[in-house]
Amino acid sequence: TEKTTNLAEKNQYVFKVWGKANKSEIKKAIENLYKVKVMDVKIINVPAKRRRLGRISGWRKGYKKAIVRLKEGQKIEVLPR
């Protein structure tokens, strides 16, 4: 989305993470997977939302996302150019 691409320009990346993961686990996982140095991790718990399709109503599940800031000069290649 536009917000995540704007964050990527600021050396920050957004990941949808496991609901029980904490900041230190996320930091270790990102550093091991992408071979980069993580400076900061911010976590956002996105709440569940009520959805309707005609007369049928239900819930869309909530999830946890992490905003990861990398060391200056490093980046993660998300999409090949």
PDB file of N, CA and C in Angstrom:
ATOM      1  N   THR A   1       0.832  -1.191   0.000  1.00  0.00           N
ATOM      2  CA  THR A   1       0.000   0.000   0.000  1.00  0.00           C
ATOM      3  C   THR A   1       0.872   1.249   0.000  1.00  0.00           C
ATOM      4  N   GLU A   2       0.238   2.388  -0.120  1.00  0.00           N
ATOM      5  CA  GLU A   2       0.988   3.644  -0.160  1.00  0.00           C
ATOM      6  C   GLU A   2       1.722   3.912   1.145  1.00  0.00           C
ATOM      7  N   LYS A   3       1.081   3.609   2.266  1.00  0.00           N
ATOM      8  CA  LYS A   3       1.721   3.865   3.560  1.00  0.00           C
ATOM      9  C   LYS A   3       2.988   3.034   3.712  1.00  0.00           C
ATOM     10  N   THR A   4       2.930   1.774   3.314  1.00  0.00           N
ATOM     11  CA  THR A   4       4.110   0.921   3.474  1.00  0.00           C
ATOM     12  C   THR A   4       5.220   1.308   2.505  1.00  0.00           C
ATOM     13  N   THR A   5       4.878   1.763   1.303  1.00  0.00           N
ATOM     14  CA  THR A   5       5.927   2.198   0.381  1.00  0.00           C
ATOM     15  C   THR A   5       6.573   3.495   0.866  1.00  0.00           C
ATOM     16  N   ASN A   6       5.787   4.372   1.488  1.00  0.00           N
ATOM     17  CA  ASN A   6       6.360   5.587   2.068  1.00  0.00           C
ATOM     18  C   ASN A   6       7.291   5.247   3.225  1.00  0.00           C
ATOM     19  N   LEU A   7       6.931   4.247   4.028  1.00  0.00           N
ATOM     20  CA  LEU A   7       7.794   3.820   5.126  1.00  0.00           C
ATOM     21  C   LEU A   7       9.080   3.200   4.601  1.00  0.00           C
ATOM     22  N   ALA A   8       9.004   2.480   3.479  1.00  0.00           N
ATOM     23  CA  ALA A   8      10.199   1.853   2.910  1.00  0.00           C
ATOM     24  C   ALA A   8      11.219   2.911   2.497  1.00  0.00           C
ATOM     25  N   GLU A   9      10.751   4.067   2.071  1.00  0.00           N
ATOM     26  CA  GLU A   9      11.658   5.160   1.738  1.00  0.00           C
ATOM     27  C   GLU A   9      12.368   5.696   2.979  1.00  0.00           C
ATOM     28  N   LYS A  10      11.745   5.519   4.153  1.00  0.00           N
ATOM     29  CA  LYS A  10      12.340   5.946   5.423  1.00  0.00           C
ATOM     30  C   LYS A  10      13.104   4.806   6.097  1.00  0.00           C
ATOM     31  N   ASN A  11      13.369   3.738   5.339  1.00  0.00           N
ATOM     32  CA  ASN A  11      14.118   2.583   5.842  1.00  0.00           C
ATOM     33  C   ASN A  11      13.323   1.793   6.877  1.00  0.00           C
ATOM     34  N   GLN A  12      11.977   1.773   6.743  1.00  0.00           N
ATOM     35  CA  GLN A  12      11.113   1.005   7.630  1.00  0.00           C
ATOM     36  C   GLN A  12      10.266   0.065   6.779  1.00  0.00           C
ATOM     37  N   TYR A  13      10.048  -1.152   7.289  1.00  0.00           N
ATOM     38  CA  TYR A  13       9.294  -2.161   6.551  1.00  0.00           C
ATOM     39  C   TYR A  13       8.209  -2.734   7.451  1.00  0.00           C
ATOM     40  N   VAL A  14       7.080  -3.113   6.846  1.00  0.00           N
ATOM     41  CA  VAL A  14       5.934  -3.616   7.593  1.00  0.00           C
ATOM     42  C   VAL A  14       5.765  -5.104   7.311  1.00  0.00           C
ATOM     43  N   PHE A  15       5.586  -5.887   8.383  1.00  0.00           N
ATOM     44  CA  PHE A  15       5.388  -7.326   8.278  1.00  0.00           C
ATOM     45  C   PHE A  15       4.160  -7.725   9.082  1.00  0.00           C
ATOM     46  N   LYS A  16       3.369  -8.648   8.541  1.00  0.00           N
ATOM     47  CA  LYS A  16       2.288  -9.260   9.300  1.00  0.00           C
ATOM     48  C   LYS A  16       2.914 -10.425  10.054  1.00  0.00           C
ATOM     49  N   VAL A  17       2.777 -10.445  11.383  1.00  0.00           N
ATOM     50  CA  VAL A  17       3.496 -11.421  12.200  1.00  0.00           C
ATOM     51  C   VAL A  17       2.531 -12.289  12.998  1.00  0.00           C
ATOM     52  N   TRP A  18       3.093 -13.373  13.552  1.00  0.00           N
ATOM     53  CA  TRP A  18       2.341 -14.290  14.400  1.00  0.00           C
ATOM     54  C   TRP A  18       1.808 -13.531  15.609  1.00  0.00           C
ATOM     55  N   GLY A  19       0.589 -13.814  16.014  1.00  0.00           N
ATOM     56  CA  GLY A  19      -0.076 -13.073  17.079  1.00  0.00           C
ATOM     57  C   GLY A  19       0.607 -13.103  18.430  1.00  0.00           C
ATOM     58  N   LYS A  20       1.402 -14.140  18.707  1.00  0.00           N
ATOM     59  CA  LYS A  20       2.058 -14.253  20.010  1.00  0.00           C
ATOM     60  C   LYS A  20       3.531 -13.856  19.969  1.00  0.00           C
ATOM     61  N   ALA A  21       3.998 -13.367  18.829  1.00  0.00           N
ATOM     62  CA  ALA A  21       5.406 -12.969  18.701  1.00  0.00           C
ATOM     63  C   ALA A  21       5.648 -11.660  19.448  1.00  0.00           C
ATOM     64  N   ASN A  22       6.836 -11.547  20.056  1.00  0.00           N
ATOM     65  CA  ASN A  22       7.191 -10.297  20.727  1.00  0.00           C
ATOM     66  C   ASN A  22       8.292  -9.588  19.935  1.00  0.00           C
ATOM     67  N   LYS A  23       8.672  -8.404  20.398  1.00  0.00           N
ATOM     68  CA  LYS A  23       9.621  -7.573  19.650  1.00  0.00           C
ATOM     69  C   LYS A  23      10.968  -8.255  19.444  1.00  0.00           C
ATOM     70  N   SER A  24      11.491  -8.889  20.482  1.00  0.00           N
ATOM     71  CA  SER A  24      12.817  -9.506  20.355  1.00  0.00           C
ATOM     72  C   SER A  24      12.787 -10.697  19.396  1.00  0.00           C
ATOM     73  N   GLU A  25      11.710 -11.481  19.406  1.00  0.00           N
ATOM     74  CA  GLU A  25      11.587 -12.604  18.467  1.00  0.00           C
ATOM     75  C   GLU A  25      11.507 -12.107  17.025  1.00  0.00           C
ATOM     76  N   ILE A  26      10.749 -11.044  16.813  1.00  0.00           N
ATOM     77  CA  ILE A  26      10.609 -10.476  15.472  1.00  0.00           C
ATOM     78  C   ILE A  26      11.952  -9.934  14.994  1.00  0.00           C
ATOM     79  N   LYS A  27      12.667  -9.244  15.875  1.00  0.00           N
ATOM     80  CA  LYS A  27      13.971  -8.685  15.522  1.00  0.00           C
ATOM     81  C   LYS A  27      14.942  -9.785  15.108  1.00  0.00           C
ATOM     82  N   LYS A  28      15.018 -10.868  15.884  1.00  0.00           N
ATOM     83  CA  LYS A  28      15.921 -11.982  15.562  1.00  0.00           C
ATOM     84  C   LYS A  28      15.544 -12.627  14.233  1.00  0.00           C
ATOM     85  N   ALA A  29      14.238 -12.822  14.013  1.00  0.00           N
ATOM     86  CA  ALA A  29      13.778 -13.475  12.786  1.00  0.00           C
ATOM     87  C   ALA A  29      14.122 -12.644  11.548  1.00  0.00           C
ATOM     88  N   ILE A  30      13.888 -11.344  11.596  1.00  0.00           N
ATOM     89  CA  ILE A  30      14.177 -10.470  10.453  1.00  0.00           C
ATOM     90  C   ILE A  30      15.676 -10.430  10.182  1.00  0.00           C
ATOM     91  N   GLU A  31      16.479 -10.339  11.238  1.00  0.00           N
ATOM     92  CA  GLU A  31      17.934 -10.303  11.064  1.00  0.00           C
ATOM     93  C   GLU A  31      18.455 -11.604  10.455  1.00  0.00           C
ATOM     94  N   ASN A  32      17.891 -12.748  10.863  1.00  0.00           N
ATOM     95  CA  ASN A  32      18.331 -14.037  10.313  1.00  0.00           C
ATOM     96  C   ASN A  32      17.856 -14.248   8.878  1.00  0.00           C
ATOM     97  N   LEU A  33      16.611 -13.874   8.585  1.00  0.00           N
ATOM     98  CA  LEU A  33      16.052 -14.103   7.248  1.00  0.00           C
ATOM     99  C   LEU A  33      16.684 -13.214   6.182  1.00  0.00           C
ATOM    100  N   TYR A  34      16.837 -11.933   6.492  1.00  0.00           N
ATOM    101  CA  TYR A  34      17.254 -10.966   5.480  1.00  0.00           C
ATOM    102  C   TYR A  34      18.701 -10.502   5.632  1.00  0.00           C
ATOM    103  N   LYS A  35      19.395 -10.960   6.678  1.00  0.00           N
ATOM    104  CA  LYS A  35      20.812 -10.603   6.904  1.00  0.00           C
ATOM    105  C   LYS A  35      21.012  -9.086   6.969  1.00  0.00           C
ATOM    106  N   VAL A  36      20.184  -8.426   7.781  1.00  0.00           N
ATOM    107  CA  VAL A  36      20.268  -6.986   7.988  1.00  0.00           C
ATOM    108  C   VAL A  36      20.317  -6.699   9.489  1.00  0.00           C
ATOM    109  N   LYS A  37      20.647  -5.473   9.863  1.00  0.00           N
ATOM    110  CA  LYS A  37      20.682  -5.052  11.263  1.00  0.00           C
ATOM    111  C   LYS A  37      19.410  -4.266  11.565  1.00  0.00           C
ATOM    112  N   VAL A  38      18.600  -4.765  12.512  1.00  0.00           N
ATOM    113  CA  VAL A  38      17.353  -4.113  12.901  1.00  0.00           C
ATOM    114  C   VAL A  38      17.637  -3.152  14.054  1.00  0.00           C
ATOM    115  N   MET A  39      17.239  -1.900  13.889  1.00  0.00           N
ATOM    116  CA  MET A  39      17.453  -0.886  14.919  1.00  0.00           C
ATOM    117  C   MET A  39      16.261  -0.765  15.864  1.00  0.00           C
ATOM    118  N   ASP A  40      15.036  -0.943  15.335  1.00  0.00           N
ATOM    119  CA  ASP A  40      13.842  -0.677  16.131  1.00  0.00           C
ATOM    120  C   ASP A  40      12.679  -1.512  15.606  1.00  0.00           C
ATOM    121  N   VAL A  41      11.807  -1.971  16.516  1.00  0.00           N
ATOM    122  CA  VAL A  41      10.601  -2.708  16.134  1.00  0.00           C
ATOM    123  C   VAL A  41       9.415  -2.079  16.852  1.00  0.00           C
ATOM    124  N   LYS A  42       8.390  -1.719  16.094  1.00  0.00           N
ATOM    125  CA  LYS A  42       7.138  -1.223  16.670  1.00  0.00           C
ATOM    126  C   LYS A  42       6.046  -2.219  16.313  1.00  0.00           C
ATOM    127  N   ILE A  43       5.161  -2.506  17.268  1.00  0.00           N
ATOM    128  CA  ILE A  43       4.112  -3.500  17.055  1.00  0.00           C
ATOM    129  C   ILE A  43       2.747  -2.826  17.121  1.00  0.00           C
ATOM    130  N   ILE A  44       1.869  -3.217  16.188  1.00  0.00           N
ATOM    131  CA  ILE A  44       0.502  -2.712  16.149  1.00  0.00           C
ATOM    132  C   ILE A  44      -0.434  -3.913  16.138  1.00  0.00           C
ATOM    133  N   ASN A  45      -1.369  -3.953  17.092  1.00  0.00           N
ATOM    134  CA  ASN A  45      -2.399  -4.983  17.104  1.00  0.00           C
ATOM    135  C   ASN A  45      -3.618  -4.428  16.375  1.00  0.00           C
ATOM    136  N   VAL A  46      -3.919  -4.981  15.211  1.00  0.00           N
ATOM    137  CA  VAL A  46      -5.058  -4.538  14.411  1.00  0.00           C
ATOM    138  C   VAL A  46      -6.279  -5.317  14.884  1.00  0.00           C
ATOM    139  N   PRO A  47      -7.320  -4.635  15.365  1.00  0.00           N
ATOM    140  CA  PRO A  47      -8.468  -5.345  15.925  1.00  0.00           C
ATOM    141  C   PRO A  47      -9.328  -6.014  14.854  1.00  0.00           C
ATOM    142  N   ALA A  48     -10.138  -6.976  15.291  1.00  0.00           N
ATOM    143  CA  ALA A  48     -11.089  -7.640  14.394  1.00  0.00           C
ATOM    144  C   ALA A  48     -12.160  -6.633  13.980  1.00  0.00           C
ATOM    145  N   LYS A  49     -12.698  -6.813  12.764  1.00  0.00           N
ATOM    146  CA  LYS A  49     -13.737  -5.908  12.279  1.00  0.00           C
ATOM    147  C   LYS A  49     -14.966  -6.709  11.878  1.00  0.00           C
ATOM    148  N   ARG A  50     -16.115  -6.117  12.079  1.00  0.00           N
ATOM    149  CA  ARG A  50     -17.366  -6.749  11.691  1.00  0.00           C
ATOM    150  C   ARG A  50     -17.577  -6.547  10.191  1.00  0.00           C
ATOM    151  N   ARG A  51     -17.921  -7.602   9.470  1.00  0.00           N
ATOM    152  CA  ARG A  51     -18.154  -7.553   8.022  1.00  0.00           C
ATOM    153  C   ARG A  51     -19.523  -8.141   7.702  1.00  0.00           C
ATOM    154  N   ARG A  52     -20.123  -7.640   6.614  1.00  0.00           N
ATOM    155  CA  ARG A  52     -21.420  -8.135   6.173  1.00  0.00           C
ATOM    156  C   ARG A  52     -21.383  -8.464   4.701  1.00  0.00           C
ATOM    157  N   LEU A  53     -22.049  -9.543   4.327  1.00  0.00           N
ATOM    158  CA  LEU A  53     -22.241  -9.901   2.932  1.00  0.00           C
ATOM    159  C   LEU A  53     -23.728 -10.201   2.775  1.00  0.00           C
ATOM    160  N   GLY A  54     -24.478  -9.207   2.332  1.00  0.00           N
ATOM    161  CA  GLY A  54     -25.922  -9.355   2.276  1.00  0.00           C
ATOM    162  C   GLY A  54     -26.496  -9.404   3.686  1.00  0.00           C
ATOM    163  N   ARG A  55     -27.258 -10.461   3.976  1.00  0.00           N
ATOM    164  CA  ARG A  55     -27.836 -10.598   5.316  1.00  0.00           C
ATOM    165  C   ARG A  55     -26.908 -11.317   6.276  1.00  0.00           C
ATOM    166  N   ILE A  56     -25.864 -11.909   5.743  1.00  0.00           N
ATOM    167  CA  ILE A  56     -24.949 -12.688   6.569  1.00  0.00           C
ATOM    168  C   ILE A  56     -23.881 -11.761   7.141  1.00  0.00           C
ATOM    169  N   SER A  57     -23.746 -11.783   8.461  1.00  0.00           N
ATOM    170  CA  SER A  57     -22.712 -10.957   9.077  1.00  0.00           C
ATOM    171  C   SER A  57     -21.710 -11.848   9.794  1.00  0.00           C
ATOM    172  N   GLY A  58     -20.514 -11.355   9.906  1.00  0.00           N
ATOM    173  CA  GLY A  58     -19.468 -12.117  10.567  1.00  0.00           C
ATOM    174  C   GLY A  58     -18.344 -11.193  10.975  1.00  0.00           C
ATOM    175  N   TRP A  59     -17.218 -11.782  11.303  1.00  0.00           N
ATOM    176  CA  TRP A  59     -16.060 -11.018  11.758  1.00  0.00           C
ATOM    177  C   TRP A  59     -14.848 -11.331  10.909  1.00  0.00           C
ATOM    178  N   ARG A  60     -14.083 -10.304  10.591  1.00  0.00           N
ATOM    179  CA  ARG A  60     -12.783 -10.496   9.977  1.00  0.00           C
ATOM    180  C   ARG A  60     -11.778 -10.547  11.119  1.00  0.00           C
ATOM    181  N   LYS A  61     -10.892 -11.505  11.091  1.00  0.00           N
ATOM    182  CA  LYS A  61      -9.958 -11.691  12.194  1.00  0.00           C
ATOM    183  C   LYS A  61      -9.025 -10.504  12.344  1.00  0.00           C
ATOM    184  N   GLY A  62      -8.632 -10.253  13.573  1.00  0.00           N
ATOM    185  CA  GLY A  62      -7.614  -9.256  13.843  1.00  0.00           C
ATOM    186  C   GLY A  62      -6.242  -9.881  13.626  1.00  0.00           C
ATOM    187  N   TYR A  63      -5.208  -9.057  13.591  1.00  0.00           N
ATOM    188  CA  TYR A  63      -3.856  -9.568  13.398  1.00  0.00           C
ATOM    189  C   TYR A  63      -2.855  -8.597  14.008  1.00  0.00           C
ATOM    190  N   LYS A  64      -1.610  -9.016  14.040  1.00  0.00           N
ATOM    191  CA  LYS A  64      -0.529  -8.200  14.577  1.00  0.00           C
ATOM    192  C   LYS A  64       0.418  -7.866  13.438  1.00  0.00           C
ATOM    193  N   LYS A  65       0.838  -6.602  13.377  1.00  0.00           N
ATOM    194  CA  LYS A  65       1.834  -6.239  12.375  1.00  0.00           C
ATOM    195  C   LYS A  65       2.986  -5.510  13.053  1.00  0.00           C
ATOM    196  N   ALA A  66       4.157  -5.661  12.467  1.00  0.00           N
ATOM    197  CA  ALA A  66       5.363  -5.069  13.023  1.00  0.00           C
ATOM    198  C   ALA A  66       5.971  -4.110  12.015  1.00  0.00           C
ATOM    199  N   ILE A  67       6.361  -2.932  12.488  1.00  0.00           N
ATOM    200  CA  ILE A  67       7.093  -1.968  11.672  1.00  0.00           C
ATOM    201  C   ILE A  67       8.543  -2.039  12.118  1.00  0.00           C
ATOM    202  N   VAL A  68       9.416  -2.444  11.196  1.00  0.00           N
ATOM    203  CA  VAL A  68      10.819  -2.696  11.504  1.00  0.00           C
ATOM    204  C   VAL A  68      11.678  -1.614  10.855  1.00  0.00           C
ATOM    205  N   ARG A  69      12.523  -0.958  11.656  1.00  0.00           N
ATOM    206  CA  ARG A  69      13.444   0.063  11.135  1.00  0.00           C
ATOM    207  C   ARG A  69      14.835  -0.541  11.050  1.00  0.00           C
ATOM    208  N   LEU A  70      15.439  -0.421   9.873  1.00  0.00           N
ATOM    209  CA  LEU A  70      16.760  -0.994   9.636  1.00  0.00           C
ATOM    210  C   LEU A  70      17.852   0.041   9.846  1.00  0.00           C
ATOM    211  N   LYS A  71      19.080  -0.466   9.978  1.00  0.00           N
ATOM    212  CA  LYS A  71      20.251   0.398  10.098  1.00  0.00           C
ATOM    213  C   LYS A  71      20.382   1.225   8.818  1.00  0.00           C
ATOM    214  N   GLU A  72      20.843   2.448   8.967  1.00  0.00           N
ATOM    215  CA  GLU A  72      20.993   3.363   7.827  1.00  0.00           C
ATOM    216  C   GLU A  72      21.864   2.732   6.740  1.00  0.00           C
ATOM    217  N   GLY A  73      21.392   2.794   5.503  1.00  0.00           N
ATOM    218  CA  GLY A  73      22.151   2.252   4.379  1.00  0.00           C
ATOM    219  C   GLY A  73      21.766   0.832   3.999  1.00  0.00           C
ATOM    220  N   GLN A  74      21.025   0.132   4.852  1.00  0.00           N
ATOM    221  CA  GLN A  74      20.593  -1.229   4.532  1.00  0.00           C
ATOM    222  C   GLN A  74      19.156  -1.198   4.041  1.00  0.00           C
ATOM    223  N   LYS A  75      18.804  -2.202   3.223  1.00  0.00           N
ATOM    224  CA  LYS A  75      17.423  -2.298   2.768  1.00  0.00           C
ATOM    225  C   LYS A  75      17.079  -3.742   2.467  1.00  0.00           C
ATOM    226  N   ILE A  76      15.786  -4.011   2.389  1.00  0.00           N
ATOM    227  CA  ILE A  76      15.273  -5.331   2.047  1.00  0.00           C
ATOM    228  C   ILE A  76      14.658  -5.222   0.666  1.00  0.00           C
ATOM    229  N   GLU A  77      15.068  -6.081  -0.238  1.00  0.00           N
ATOM    230  CA  GLU A  77      14.515  -6.087  -1.593  1.00  0.00           C
ATOM    231  C   GLU A  77      13.216  -6.878  -1.553  1.00  0.00           C
ATOM    232  N   VAL A  78      12.082  -6.167  -1.545  1.00  0.00           N
ATOM    233  CA  VAL A  78      10.775  -6.803  -1.414  1.00  0.00           C
ATOM    234  C   VAL A  78      10.297  -7.323  -2.762  1.00  0.00           C
ATOM    235  N   LEU A  79      10.274  -6.460  -3.755  1.00  0.00           N
ATOM    236  CA  LEU A  79       9.847  -6.846  -5.099  1.00  0.00           C
ATOM    237  C   LEU A  79      11.012  -6.679  -6.063  1.00  0.00           C
ATOM    238  N   PRO A  80      11.264  -7.685  -6.906  1.00  0.00           N
ATOM    239  CA  PRO A  80      12.349  -7.519  -7.877  1.00  0.00           C
ATOM    240  C   PRO A  80      12.003  -6.413  -8.868  1.00  0.00           C
ATOM    241  N   ARG A  81      13.009  -5.656  -9.253  1.00  0.00           N
ATOM    242  CA  ARG A  81      12.751  -4.530 -10.161  1.00  0.00           C
ATOM    243  C   ARG A  81      12.995  -4.904 -11.580  1.00  0.00           C
TER     244      ARG A  81
END
